[in-house]
Amino acid sequence: GVDIIEAGFPVSSPGDFRSVQMIAKEVKNSIVCGLSRALPGDIDACGQALSVAEQFRIHTFIATSEIHVGAKLRKSQDEIVDMAVAAVKHARKYTDDVEFSCEDAGRTHIDY
């Protein structure tokens, strides 16, 4: 069987929110996961959409490559680390099952 289903990005649209919620409600033999940027509103949308499931996962991510940190997010590396830590802590308010990813990790400096 399938152990985890990443069902969607609930904050992206009302339709995606409803789809993730419906999947979370119906699926019983897999963990349903929602995707969120490392932003409180995204994480809240995941938590709310997935709350109908007995067990679920929140997958939060943030860009970490130099080009994304500077041009896309316009933040310092320290601010990105702080955002990542805050996102995981916020997601843990909904579930102990939290996944974190670095967007564009392949271009992120290894020492970062």
Protein backbone atom coordinates (compact mmCIF):
# COMPACT_ATOMS: atom_id res chain seq x y z
CA GLY A 1 0.00 0.00 0.00
CA VAL A 2 0.84 3.68 0.03
CA ASP A 3 2.13 4.97 3.35
CA ILE A 4 1.80 8.75 2.75
CA ILE A 5 -0.27 10.73 0.26
CA GLU A 6 0.67 14.37 -0.25
CA ALA A 7 -2.81 15.49 -1.24
CA GLY A 8 -2.29 19.14 -2.10
CA PHE A 9 -1.58 22.71 -1.10
CA PRO A 10 -4.65 23.81 0.91
CA VAL A 11 -3.90 27.53 1.01
CA SER A 12 -3.61 27.77 -2.78
CA SER A 13 -7.37 27.84 -3.44
CA PRO A 14 -10.71 26.97 -1.86
CA GLY A 15 -10.94 24.02 -4.23
CA ASP A 16 -7.57 22.67 -3.17
CA PHE A 17 -8.52 23.13 0.49
CA ARG A 18 -11.74 21.14 -0.03
CA SER A 19 -9.92 18.44 -2.00
CA VAL A 20 -7.29 17.95 0.70
CA GLN A 21 -10.01 17.92 3.36
CA MET A 22 -12.06 15.33 1.45
CA ILE A 23 -9.05 13.08 0.90
CA ALA A 24 -8.09 13.41 4.57
CA LYS A 25 -11.62 12.44 5.60
CA GLU A 26 -11.92 9.44 3.28
CA VAL A 27 -8.46 7.85 3.34
CA LYS A 28 -8.00 5.45 6.25
CA ASN A 29 -4.97 3.28 5.38
CA SER A 30 -2.44 6.02 4.56
CA ILE A 31 -1.23 9.21 6.19
CA VAL A 32 -2.55 12.23 4.32
CA CYS A 33 -0.15 15.16 4.02
CA GLY A 34 -0.67 18.78 3.07
CA LEU A 35 1.96 21.12 1.63
CA SER A 36 2.63 24.59 3.02
CA ARG A 37 5.16 27.32 2.65
CA ALA A 38 6.88 28.29 5.90
CA LEU A 39 4.16 30.83 6.63
CA PRO A 40 1.66 30.70 9.50
CA GLY A 41 -1.36 31.12 7.21
CA ASP A 42 -0.27 28.25 4.98
CA ILE A 43 0.35 26.01 7.97
CA ASP A 44 -3.02 26.95 9.49
CA ALA A 45 -4.78 26.06 6.23
CA CYS A 46 -3.06 22.66 6.26
CA GLY A 47 -3.95 22.04 9.87
CA GLN A 48 -7.57 22.99 9.29
CA ALA A 49 -7.96 20.96 6.09
CA LEU A 50 -6.30 17.90 7.58
CA SER A 51 -7.94 18.05 11.00
CA VAL A 52 -10.68 15.67 9.84
CA ALA A 53 -8.11 12.85 9.63
CA GLU A 54 -7.17 10.59 12.52
CA GLN A 55 -3.49 11.01 11.63
CA PHE A 56 -1.90 13.46 9.21
CA ARG A 57 1.33 15.19 8.22
CA ILE A 58 2.17 18.81 7.42
CA HIS A 59 4.99 19.29 4.93
CA THR A 60 6.42 22.79 5.13
CA PHE A 61 9.20 24.22 2.99
CA ILE A 62 11.25 27.33 2.37
CA ALA A 63 13.75 28.33 -0.31
CA THR A 64 17.36 28.15 0.82
CA SER A 65 19.50 28.75 -2.26
CA GLU A 66 21.34 32.06 -2.41
CA ILE A 67 19.42 33.21 -5.47
CA HIS A 68 16.01 32.45 -3.92
CA VAL A 69 16.88 33.83 -0.48
CA GLY A 70 18.10 37.12 -1.95
CA ALA A 71 15.89 37.66 -5.00
CA LYS A 72 12.67 35.82 -4.19
CA LEU A 73 12.37 36.13 -0.41
CA ARG A 74 14.60 39.18 0.11
CA LYS A 75 15.74 37.91 3.48
CA SER A 76 19.03 37.05 5.12
CA GLN A 77 20.09 33.46 5.67
CA ASP A 78 19.57 33.91 9.42
CA GLU A 79 16.01 35.11 8.79
CA ILE A 80 15.36 32.03 6.64
CA VAL A 81 16.62 29.73 9.40
CA ASP A 82 14.40 31.56 11.91
CA MET A 83 11.40 31.20 9.57
CA ALA A 84 12.08 27.50 9.10
CA VAL A 85 12.30 26.85 12.84
CA ALA A 86 9.15 28.90 13.48
CA ALA A 87 7.28 27.02 10.74
CA VAL A 88 8.10 23.62 12.19
CA LYS A 89 7.14 24.78 15.68
CA HIS A 90 3.86 26.19 14.36
CA ALA A 91 3.06 22.99 12.45
CA ARG A 92 3.73 20.96 15.61
CA LYS A 93 0.75 22.71 17.20
CA TYR A 94 -1.40 20.67 14.80
CA THR A 95 0.52 17.39 14.64
CA ASP A 96 3.75 15.72 15.70
CA ASP A 97 4.17 14.50 12.11
CA VAL A 98 5.93 17.41 10.40
CA GLU A 99 8.14 17.20 7.32
CA PHE A 100 10.49 20.03 6.37
CA SER A 101 12.11 20.61 2.97
CA CYS A 102 14.55 23.11 1.54
CA GLU A 103 13.29 24.43 -1.79
CA ASP A 104 16.09 24.53 -4.39
CA ALA A 105 18.34 22.55 -2.05
CA GLY A 106 20.57 21.47 -4.93
CA ARG A 107 21.83 25.03 -5.31
CA THR A 108 22.08 25.71 -1.58
CA HIS A 109 25.59 26.02 -0.25
CA ILE A 110 26.47 22.90 1.75
CA ASP A 111 27.63 24.90 4.79
CA TYR A 112 24.27 26.67 5.02
